């Protein structure tokens, strides 16, 4: 008993201290009671005095253990209360991070009277963008197809012109082998923008379906009016003529054509060609309200080494003689007659006689060849023959 008193006094709580009991106090009290009960029961067979002393001794020991447990419980409670009252130093930093993350996410607050945005709304923009991309690809494909169609059309026109020039060159070369005695050759072929345009327009332009098909080929609206479609076709043909004349095959065949004409001058045979196209397209253009220009109908075969039939009297020049009022066969017959009247006439002299007969010297203008002019031409041929005869006699 005297040995455990100091420990009991050390375990006694100080005055004013909290007497909060720990969570292990109740089991230890029960275990102490069971131990004291066991000791009293184990000594129950001894005498009554010993059992009473042992019971008092066990009770004193249980009281001291209970006081020590209460003191230990108060110390544990004091330590637990200190952790609860201490602030967490990481809480402000975590809160700041959360606020920064929330600030980076845009939040749309609906205005007063405005319904909140629906979730399906953002899908409209991608769908619209996809439709625009598809439409853009379709438009790009249609434009590319139209450009390819126009390029193919111009290439076909250029090929048609090249074959036409080669055909004329072959015919002239063949006739040159046996020119005959007439001293003239007539060519009825015309290679002009109007003649090629009529070849392209003749079948499609006859029906609305054909015109719609041609418009789609050119990348135009199928319901385009007839006049606008004609202007588009004329523009493509004109560009094809420009490209053809600048191409190397066209320059080569032109040189061959001029070389053949030079040989005709050497044998004193005058080629006569139409200077312009006089086909059905000339009546079609005024109906559509399209003005007619001379360059549009002028033939590529016109050259200074031959005689050409013009549309008006003021066409041509001293180098490039063109006469109006007669057709190609009529003009060929007149030239053949002049050759019979004066076999010594050259191609250049024949052209100058016709130019003089179709010119009004008093008014300083050109005029068409009529019956009076034809008789004048014949008289000029006779006069020239007499002059040549006199010159031959004196020389």
Protein backbone atom coordinates (compact mmCIF):
# COMPACT_ATOMS: atom_id res chain seq x y z
CA UNK A 1 0.00 0.00 0.00
CA UNK A 2 2.79 2.41 0.89
CA UNK A 3 4.53 1.72 -2.44
CA UNK A 4 1.64 2.73 -4.76
CA UNK A 5 0.64 5.95 -2.94
CA UNK A 6 3.12 8.19 -4.83
CA UNK A 7 1.81 6.98 -8.21
CA UNK A 8 -1.74 7.54 -7.13
CA UNK A 9 -0.95 11.08 -6.06
CA UNK A 10 0.83 11.77 -9.37
CA UNK A 11 -2.19 10.55 -11.28
CA UNK A 12 -4.63 12.74 -9.35
CA UNK A 13 -5.82 15.61 -11.65
CA UNK A 14 -5.01 19.16 -10.75
CA UNK A 15 -7.70 21.37 -9.37
CA UNK A 16 -9.71 23.12 -12.07
CA UNK A 17 -8.68 20.64 -14.77
CA UNK A 18 -11.23 19.04 -17.02
CA UNK A 19 -12.44 15.61 -15.98
CA UNK A 20 -13.33 14.37 -19.43
CA UNK A 21 -13.01 10.65 -19.58
CA UNK A 22 -11.44 8.76 -22.43
CA UNK A 23 -13.18 6.17 -24.52
CA UNK A 24 -11.25 3.30 -22.80
CA UNK A 25 -12.32 4.15 -19.26
CA UNK A 26 -15.49 2.08 -19.16
CA UNK A 27 -13.94 -1.25 -20.30
CA UNK A 28 -11.03 -0.85 -17.86
CA UNK A 29 -13.46 -0.25 -14.97
CA UNK A 30 -15.35 -3.38 -15.81
CA UNK A 31 -12.15 -5.36 -16.05
CA UNK A 32 -11.03 -4.05 -12.64
CA UNK A 33 -14.32 -5.07 -11.08
CA UNK A 34 -14.03 -8.53 -12.61
CA UNK A 35 -10.48 -8.85 -11.28
CA UNK A 36 -11.58 -7.83 -7.76
CA UNK A 37 -14.51 -10.17 -7.93
CA UNK A 38 -12.27 -12.98 -9.03
CA UNK A 39 -9.86 -12.34 -6.18
CA UNK A 40 -12.65 -12.25 -3.60
CA UNK A 41 -14.16 -15.43 -5.01
CA UNK A 42 -10.81 -17.18 -5.03
CA UNK A 43 -10.27 -16.38 -1.37
CA UNK A 44 -13.83 -17.15 -0.36
CA UNK A 45 -12.89 -20.58 1.02
CA UNK A 46 -10.53 -18.95 3.58
CA UNK A 47 -11.57 -17.40 6.83
CA UNK A 48 -13.90 -14.50 7.09
CA UNK A 49 -11.24 -12.04 8.35
CA UNK A 50 -8.90 -12.69 5.49
CA UNK A 51 -11.65 -12.33 2.95
CA UNK A 52 -12.68 -8.98 4.40
CA UNK A 53 -9.08 -7.67 4.38
CA UNK A 54 -8.53 -8.85 0.87
CA UNK A 55 -11.77 -7.17 -0.24
CA UNK A 56 -10.69 -3.85 1.27
CA UNK A 57 -7.30 -4.15 -0.33
CA UNK A 58 -8.86 -4.86 -3.75
CA UNK A 59 -11.23 -1.91 -3.38
CA UNK A 60 -8.39 0.50 -2.60
CA UNK A 61 -6.42 -0.67 -5.61
CA UNK A 62 -9.47 -0.27 -7.92
CA UNK A 63 -10.01 3.28 -6.68
CA UNK A 64 -6.42 4.23 -7.35
CA UNK A 65 -6.56 2.74 -10.91
CA UNK A 66 -9.81 4.57 -11.60
CA UNK A 67 -8.29 7.91 -10.54
CA UNK A 68 -5.26 7.29 -12.80
CA UNK A 69 -7.47 6.49 -15.77
CA UNK A 70 -9.49 9.68 -15.24
CA UNK A 71 -6.30 11.77 -15.22
CA UNK A 72 -5.05 10.11 -18.40
CA UNK A 73 -8.41 10.69 -20.07
CA UNK A 74 -8.26 14.43 -19.31
CA UNK A 75 -4.78 14.70 -20.85
CA UNK A 76 -5.94 12.88 -24.00
CA UNK A 77 -8.97 15.12 -24.27
CA UNK A 78 -6.78 18.22 -23.95
CA UNK A 79 -4.55 17.00 -26.81
CA UNK A 80 -7.52 16.25 -29.06
CA UNK A 81 -9.00 19.66 -28.48
CA UNK A 82 -5.74 21.34 -29.59
CA UNK A 83 -5.84 19.72 -33.13
CA UNK A 84 -9.45 20.70 -33.60
CA UNK A 85 -8.77 24.39 -32.83
CA UNK A 86 -5.61 24.68 -35.00
CA UNK A 87 -6.34 26.17 -38.51
CA UNK A 88 -5.35 24.26 -41.75
CA UNK A 89 -2.56 26.14 -43.55
CA UNK A 90 -3.33 24.48 -46.98
CA UNK A 91 -6.98 25.56 -47.08
CA UNK A 92 -6.43 29.14 -48.43
CA UNK A 93 -4.12 27.92 -51.19
CA UNK A 94 -6.56 25.24 -52.29
CA UNK A 95 -9.37 27.78 -52.31
CA UNK A 96 -7.34 30.17 -54.46
CA UNK A 97 -6.60 27.41 -56.98
CA UNK A 98 -10.29 26.55 -57.19
CA UNK A 99 -11.20 30.17 -57.76
CA UNK A 100 -8.59 30.47 -60.57
CA UNK A 101 -9.91 27.36 -62.31
CA UNK A 102 -13.46 28.58 -62.06
CA UNK A 103 -12.43 31.95 -63.43
CA UNK A 104 -10.89 30.31 -66.54
CA UNK A 105 -14.14 28.56 -67.42
CA UNK A 106 -16.53 31.03 -69.12
CA UNK A 107 -19.93 31.08 -67.55
CA UNK A 108 -22.90 32.56 -69.34
CA UNK A 109 -25.49 33.99 -67.01
CA UNK A 110 -28.92 34.28 -68.63
CA UNK A 111 -30.32 37.79 -68.62
CA UNK A 112 -33.63 38.65 -67.13
CA UNK A 113 -36.46 37.38 -69.28
CA UNK A 114 -34.12 35.22 -71.35
CA UNK A 115 -34.31 31.44 -71.28
CA UNK A 116 -31.13 29.50 -70.53
CA UNK A 117 -29.36 28.09 -73.61
CA UNK A 118 -30.26 24.60 -74.62
CA UNK A 119 -27.71 21.85 -74.88
CA UNK A 120 -28.44 21.09 -78.55
CA UNK A 121 -27.66 24.66 -79.66
CA UNK A 122 -23.88 24.19 -80.00
CA UNK A 123 -24.46 21.38 -82.50
CA UNK A 124 -26.09 23.79 -84.98
CA UNK A 125 -22.80 25.53 -85.76
CA UNK A 126 -20.89 22.34 -86.71
CA UNK A 127 -23.85 21.18 -88.79
CA UNK A 128 -24.03 24.52 -90.62
CA UNK A 129 -20.28 24.50 -91.14
CA UNK A 130 -20.47 21.00 -92.58
CA UNK A 131 -23.23 22.06 -94.97
CA UNK A 132 -21.19 25.05 -96.08
CA UNK A 133 -18.16 22.86 -96.71
CA UNK A 134 -20.25 20.46 -98.79
CA UNK A 135 -21.79 23.34 -100.71
CA UNK A 136 -18.36 24.87 -101.25
CA UNK A 137 -17.02 21.60 -102.62
CA UNK A 138 -20.00 21.29 -104.95
CA UNK A 139 -19.58 24.87 -106.20
CA UNK A 140 -15.86 24.33 -106.70
CA UNK A 141 -16.56 21.13 -108.62
CA UNK A 142 -19.14 22.88 -110.81
CA UNK A 143 -16.77 25.76 -111.54
CA UNK A 144 -13.97 23.36 -112.37
CA UNK A 145 -16.27 21.40 -114.68
CA UNK A 146 -17.36 24.62 -116.41
CA UNK A 147 -13.76 25.70 -116.92
CA UNK A 148 -12.88 22.31 -118.35
CA UNK A 149 -15.90 22.42 -120.68
CA UNK A 150 -14.97 25.88 -121.93
CA UNK A 151 -11.38 24.78 -122.49
CA UNK A 152 -12.57 21.74 -124.44
CA UNK A 153 -14.85 23.96 -126.53
CA UNK A 154 -12.00 26.32 -127.42
CA UNK A 155 -9.75 23.37 -128.22
CA UNK A 156 -12.41 21.96 -130.57
CA UNK A 157 -12.72 25.31 -132.35
CA UNK A 158 -8.95 25.56 -132.74
CA UNK A 159 -8.84 22.04 -134.15
CA UNK A 160 -11.66 22.94 -136.58
CA UNK A 161 -9.72 25.99 -137.80
CA UNK A 162 -6.51 24.01 -138.24
CA UNK A 163 -8.28 21.36 -140.31
CA UNK A 164 -9.99 24.07 -142.36
CA UNK A 165 -6.71 25.78 -143.18
CA UNK A 166 -5.12 22.47 -144.09
CA UNK A 167 -8.08 21.64 -146.33
CA UNK A 168 -7.76 24.94 -148.21
CA UNK A 169 -4.02 24.48 -148.57
CA UNK A 170 -4.54 20.96 -149.95
CA UNK A 171 -7.15 22.14 -152.47
CA UNK A 172 -5.01 25.01 -153.72
CA UNK A 173 -1.98 22.77 -154.01
CA UNK A 174 -3.99 20.20 -155.99
CA UNK A 175 -5.45 22.81 -158.37
CA UNK A 176 -2.01 24.29 -158.94
CA UNK A 177 -0.94 21.11 -160.70
CA UNK A 178 -3.39 21.85 -163.56
CA UNK A 179 -4.52 25.53 -163.32
CA UNK A 180 -6.18 25.65 -166.76
CA UNK A 181 -6.45 28.68 -169.04
CA UNK A 182 -9.03 30.80 -167.29
CA UNK A 183 -6.50 32.35 -164.98
CA UNK A 184 -8.87 32.30 -161.97
CA UNK A 185 -9.92 29.94 -159.16
CA UNK A 186 -12.89 30.36 -156.86
CA UNK A 187 -12.96 29.27 -153.19
CA UNK A 188 -16.29 29.29 -151.38
CA UNK A 189 -14.97 28.20 -147.98
CA UNK A 190 -15.17 30.74 -145.13
CA UNK A 191 -13.32 30.48 -141.82
CA UNK A 192 -14.75 33.23 -139.64
CA UNK A 193 -15.98 33.59 -136.08
CA UNK A 194 -19.57 33.84 -137.32
CA UNK A 195 -19.35 30.65 -139.39
CA UNK A 196 -17.84 28.65 -136.53
CA UNK A 197 -20.36 30.10 -134.07
CA UNK A 198 -23.21 29.02 -136.34
CA UNK A 199 -21.78 25.50 -136.49
CA UNK A 200 -21.87 25.37 -132.68
CA UNK A 201 -25.25 27.08 -132.36
CA UNK A 202 -27.14 25.40 -135.20
CA UNK A 203 -28.34 22.25 -133.40
CA UNK A 204 -28.42 23.28 -129.67
CA UNK A 205 -29.96 26.67 -130.42
CA UNK A 206 -32.93 25.14 -132.22
CA UNK A 207 -34.64 23.81 -129.07
CA UNK A 208 -34.94 25.03 -125.46
CA UNK A 209 -33.50 21.73 -124.22
CA UNK A 210 -30.44 22.15 -126.41
CA UNK A 211 -29.87 25.70 -125.18
CA UNK A 212 -30.23 24.58 -121.55
CA UNK A 213 -27.69 21.82 -122.13
CA UNK A 214 -25.25 24.27 -123.71
CA UNK A 215 -25.72 26.70 -120.82
CA UNK A 216 -24.95 23.97 -118.27
CA UNK A 217 -21.86 22.98 -120.23
CA UNK A 218 -20.61 26.56 -120.01
CA UNK A 219 -21.38 26.74 -116.28
CA UNK A 220 -24.38 29.03 -116.73
CA UNK A 221 -27.96 28.88 -115.53
CA UNK A 222 -30.13 26.52 -117.62
CA UNK A 223 -32.85 29.17 -117.91
CA UNK A 224 -30.48 31.81 -119.30
CA UNK A 225 -32.04 33.91 -122.05
CA UNK A 226 -31.13 33.18 -125.65
CA UNK A 227 -29.30 36.45 -126.32
CA UNK A 228 -27.03 36.13 -123.26
CA UNK A 229 -26.21 32.53 -124.17
CA UNK A 230 -25.32 33.59 -127.71
CA UNK A 231 -22.97 36.26 -126.37
CA UNK A 232 -21.23 33.67 -124.21
CA UNK A 233 -20.73 31.35 -127.18
CA UNK A 234 -19.45 34.22 -129.31
CA UNK A 235 -16.96 35.18 -126.59
CA UNK A 236 -15.60 31.62 -126.38
CA UNK A 237 -15.24 31.40 -130.16
CA UNK A 238 -13.45 34.74 -130.28
CA UNK A 239 -10.98 33.62 -127.61
CA UNK A 240 -10.40 30.41 -129.56
CA UNK A 241 -9.56 32.45 -132.69
CA UNK A 242 -7.09 34.57 -130.72
CA UNK A 243 -5.44 31.49 -129.23
CA UNK A 244 -5.32 29.79 -132.61
CA UNK A 245 -3.59 32.66 -134.39
CA UNK A 246 -0.98 32.80 -131.63
CA UNK A 247 -0.31 29.06 -131.68
CA UNK A 248 2.62 27.46 -133.49
CA UNK A 249 0.51 25.10 -135.69
CA UNK A 250 -1.49 28.10 -136.93
CA UNK A 251 1.65 30.03 -137.81
CA UNK A 252 3.08 27.05 -139.67
CA UNK A 253 -0.05 26.43 -141.74
CA UNK A 254 -0.30 30.14 -142.46
CA UNK A 255 3.19 30.16 -143.89
CA UNK A 256 2.34 27.20 -146.08
CA UNK A 257 -0.86 28.94 -147.23
CA UNK A 258 1.02 32.12 -148.17
CA UNK A 259 3.65 30.07 -150.02
CA UNK A 260 0.95 28.48 -152.20
CA UNK A 261 -0.54 31.91 -152.95
CA UNK A 262 2.90 33.07 -154.00
CA UNK A 263 3.02 30.22 -156.52
CA UNK A 264 -0.36 31.33 -157.91
CA UNK A 265 1.08 34.73 -158.64
CA UNK A 266 3.92 33.09 -160.52
CA UNK A 267 1.53 31.19 -162.84
CA UNK A 268 -0.81 34.19 -163.23
CA UNK A 269 -3.87 32.62 -161.62
CA UNK A 270 -5.94 34.81 -159.31
CA UNK A 271 -7.73 33.12 -156.33
CA UNK A 272 -11.05 34.68 -155.30
CA UNK A 273 -12.51 34.08 -151.81
CA UNK A 274 -15.42 35.48 -149.78
CA UNK A 275 -14.15 38.19 -147.48
CA UNK A 276 -17.02 37.68 -144.99
CA UNK A 277 -19.52 35.12 -143.89
CA UNK A 278 -23.02 35.70 -145.27
CA UNK A 279 -24.68 32.70 -143.63
CA UNK A 280 -27.90 32.40 -141.55
CA UNK A 281 -26.28 33.78 -138.39
CA UNK A 282 -26.27 37.28 -139.87
CA UNK A 283 -30.07 37.26 -139.77
CA UNK A 284 -30.18 35.61 -136.35
CA UNK A 285 -28.11 38.22 -134.50
CA UNK A 286 -30.40 41.22 -135.24
CA UNK A 287 -33.37 39.17 -134.02
CA UNK A 288 -31.60 38.69 -130.68
CA UNK A 289 -30.65 42.36 -130.47
CA UNK A 290 -26.92 41.72 -130.94
CA UNK A 291 -24.95 44.19 -133.01
CA UNK A 292 -22.92 42.81 -135.91
CA UNK A 293 -19.25 43.70 -136.35
CA UNK A 294 -17.15 43.14 -139.45
CA UNK A 295 -14.34 41.42 -137.58
CA UNK A 296 -16.83 38.83 -136.40
CA UNK A 297 -17.68 37.79 -139.99
CA UNK A 298 -14.31 38.33 -141.71
CA UNK A 299 -12.60 35.20 -142.99
CA UNK A 300 -9.10 34.07 -142.04
CA UNK A 301 -8.40 33.24 -145.69
CA UNK A 302 -8.24 36.89 -146.74
CA UNK A 303 -4.75 37.78 -147.96
CA UNK A 304 -3.12 40.51 -150.04
CA UNK A 305 -2.21 37.95 -152.74
CA UNK A 306 -5.83 37.19 -153.64
CA UNK A 307 -9.07 39.00 -154.41
CA UNK A 308 -11.85 39.06 -151.80
CA UNK A 309 -15.54 39.93 -151.92
CA UNK A 310 -16.57 42.49 -149.30
CA UNK A 311 -19.86 43.29 -147.60
CA UNK A 312 -19.62 47.04 -148.12
CA UNK A 313 -17.95 49.28 -150.68
CA UNK A 314 -15.59 50.95 -148.19
CA UNK A 315 -13.78 47.74 -147.33
CA UNK A 316 -10.27 46.89 -148.42
CA UNK A 317 -7.27 48.97 -149.36
CA UNK A 318 -4.66 49.34 -152.09
CA UNK A 319 -2.78 46.36 -150.69
CA UNK A 320 -5.78 44.22 -149.75
CA UNK A 321 -8.31 44.69 -152.53
CA UNK A 322 -11.91 43.89 -151.69
CA UNK A 323 -14.85 44.67 -153.94
CA UNK A 324 -18.57 44.61 -153.14
CA UNK A 325 -21.65 44.15 -155.28
CA UNK A 326 -20.78 40.81 -156.86
CA UNK A 327 -20.71 37.26 -155.64
CA UNK A 328 -17.66 35.05 -155.85
CA UNK A 329 -18.85 33.24 -159.01
CA UNK A 330 -19.78 36.54 -160.68
CA UNK A 331 -16.45 38.11 -159.81
CA UNK A 332 -14.66 35.01 -161.09
CA UNK A 333 -16.51 35.23 -164.40
CA UNK A 334 -15.52 38.90 -164.73
CA UNK A 335 -11.87 38.14 -164.05
CA UNK A 336 -11.90 35.31 -166.59
CA UNK A 337 -13.40 37.68 -169.18
CA UNK A 338 -10.72 40.27 -168.48
CA UNK A 339 -8.10 37.59 -168.93
CA UNK A 340 -9.49 36.84 -172.38
CA UNK A 341 -9.53 40.52 -173.26
CA UNK A 342 -5.97 40.97 -172.10
CA UNK A 343 -4.01 37.75 -171.52
CA UNK A 344 -1.02 39.80 -170.38
CA UNK A 345 -2.70 41.03 -167.19
CA UNK A 346 -1.04 40.01 -163.95
CA UNK A 347 -2.83 39.33 -160.71
CA UNK A 348 -1.75 42.67 -159.30
CA UNK A 349 -2.92 44.58 -162.40
CA UNK A 350 -6.32 42.89 -162.26
CA UNK A 351 -6.75 43.92 -158.62
CA UNK A 352 -5.76 47.50 -159.37
CA UNK A 353 -8.23 47.72 -162.28
CA UNK A 354 -11.05 46.46 -160.04
CA UNK A 355 -10.04 48.88 -157.29
CA UNK A 356 -10.06 51.79 -159.73
CA UNK A 357 -13.47 50.82 -161.14
CA UNK A 358 -14.99 50.62 -157.64
CA UNK A 359 -13.70 54.04 -156.59
CA UNK A 360 -15.42 57.39 -157.09
CA UNK A 361 -12.61 59.82 -157.77
CA UNK A 362 -14.85 62.92 -157.55
CA UNK A 363 -16.30 61.98 -154.16
CA UNK A 364 -13.12 60.24 -152.97
CA UNK A 365 -14.99 57.16 -151.82
CA UNK A 366 -15.55 53.58 -152.79
CA UNK A 367 -18.63 52.23 -154.57
CA UNK A 368 -20.08 48.85 -155.28
CA UNK A 369 -19.63 47.13 -158.61
CA UNK A 370 -22.76 47.35 -160.76
CA UNK A 371 -23.40 46.94 -164.43
CA UNK A 372 -21.83 50.27 -165.23
CA UNK A 373 -18.73 49.44 -163.22
CA UNK A 374 -18.43 46.07 -164.93
CA UNK A 375 -18.45 47.75 -168.33
CA UNK A 376 -15.88 50.24 -167.07
CA UNK A 377 -13.65 47.42 -165.90
CA UNK A 378 -13.82 45.81 -169.33
CA UNK A 379 -12.92 49.12 -171.00
CA UNK A 380 -9.98 49.58 -168.65
CA UNK A 381 -8.74 46.11 -169.54
CA UNK A 382 -8.87 46.95 -173.25
CA UNK A 383 -7.06 50.25 -172.74
CA UNK A 384 -4.36 48.54 -170.76
CA UNK A 385 -3.98 45.99 -173.51
CA UNK A 386 -3.49 48.74 -176.10
CA UNK A 387 -0.90 50.41 -173.92
CA UNK A 388 0.93 47.16 -173.51
CA UNK A 389 0.90 46.57 -177.24
CA UNK A 390 2.31 50.03 -177.93
CA UNK A 391 4.93 49.49 -175.28
CA UNK A 392 5.84 46.17 -176.87
CA UNK A 393 6.18 47.74 -180.29
CA UNK A 394 8.43 50.56 -179.14
CA UNK A 395 10.54 48.34 -176.94
